[in-house]
């Protein structure tokens, strides 16, 4: 769950409509045209959302009136989900509950319903609009490393989003067992980069990446979830070269995973935020500790030390971070010995570059030789495969063999990204 309250004035999905006139009209559309009957009120009934209903609702182009006309056409589907009361987790604005699909041949298949709580600080029509936006963005993200979004549902006045069920819980749950091998950690890190690369190449920035929002299936496939703070940063039909910057007027996301530029820049690139968060998740994978509470050198001594380390490297004029590692001692959690290889260590630091415009892009990180060399058990077919695609037959289970044997071997999958980089670990950054 997201830890920072969304606001109707922040530069995110939550205010991208941006028109008071549109908000007024949306207030009259707080529910679909037909409502569940009293006999159905205990179930979640799915709403029929047209397949061609694109992400325009989440962009600045959403002021167009055709969006309103399409929303008026919402009808209820003959699809119902029932719950047996099992709540998996609860946050400030939503809770996740296990549900089962009614009137289905397979009544044992589990799904999860993310149930939203009404927010006192937000009018009900804005609250409903935000849920629709989250659903639309999540539904359009179809990738093996993104949680599959199934239905938008209504239960009386409560809205919920039904998604696939991931039996192994979130990344924190898996790490807490202490059985995750280095091979498994590297595999999960590569899966994370794959999923975020897919999102960015489809003009979506997540903006709240953290271990709690990364789920694992029974087969060890990592799934990105919770698109409550996601933003569509580009509309290729209107201007394919324009990247929408986000305002820091009201910060959204989770503080320890936010880059320092969100605190001092009026606007920030949401893609750079995601790259920063991915690097910190990678650090957590290998060190099992938080890097800092907030990326503000005036408030957090750990981040202050990190900035000083970066400044020292830049002044050293060393050709690469790896060269400098032998003459400088980084703080615990950022030392080369804390990572599977010096190349992984260097990559994570380049994803945490203190200057956002010099930070690696997600495709540069994914395309780096040390990531491409990682054996990965996740399904391939990066853009077309559904999240139900089978994993390779030699899938491992991301845990150390109890008898201390070597981790199981599995096939090596390589990714082709849109951005090709040269030797990333030897990039030179001049002082500014």
Foldseek 3Di string as FASTA:
>chain_A
DFDADDDCPWQFLLPQCPDPVVLVLLVVLLDAPDDDDPVQLQWWWFKDQDPPLALCSSHNNVPDCVNVVSSNPIDTDPKIKHFPPAWPADDDFWTKGWIFIPPDPDRVFIKIKTKTDDDPVDDSSSVSSLVVNLLNLLCPQFFLAAWHWDGWTDRPSIIITITHDAPQAFQVSVVVVVFFDLLLLLQQLLLLLLSQLSQVVVQKFQQADDRNQWGAHQLGRIHGDDSSRMHRQDDVVVPRVGGHWIALPPDTYAFLQAAPCSVPPRTDRSQLSRLSSSLQRSLCSLPVDGQWRHCDVVPTVSNVLVVVVLVVVQVVQDQFPLVCLVVDDRDPSLHQVSHPGVVSSRLSVLSNRNDSVSRDGSLASSQAPVSQPRAYFTDDPGRPDGNPDDTPPQRFRRGQDPVRDDGGDDDRDGDDHPDHDDNVRRHHDHDD
